[in-house]
Amino acid sequence: MSKYIFECIDAHTCGNPVRLILTENPKLKGKTMSEKR
């Protein structure tokens, strides 16, 4: 099992949860955001 450490900010916008990723470890595969999910 791999372990990764990354920085993020969790917040709420109009009652909806939002997670903003600040670092890219691990590097996500894909060209679009839909592919990176």
Foldseek 3Di string as FASTA:
>chain_A
DDDDDWDWDWDADPNHIDIGTDDQVVPFDDDDPVNSD
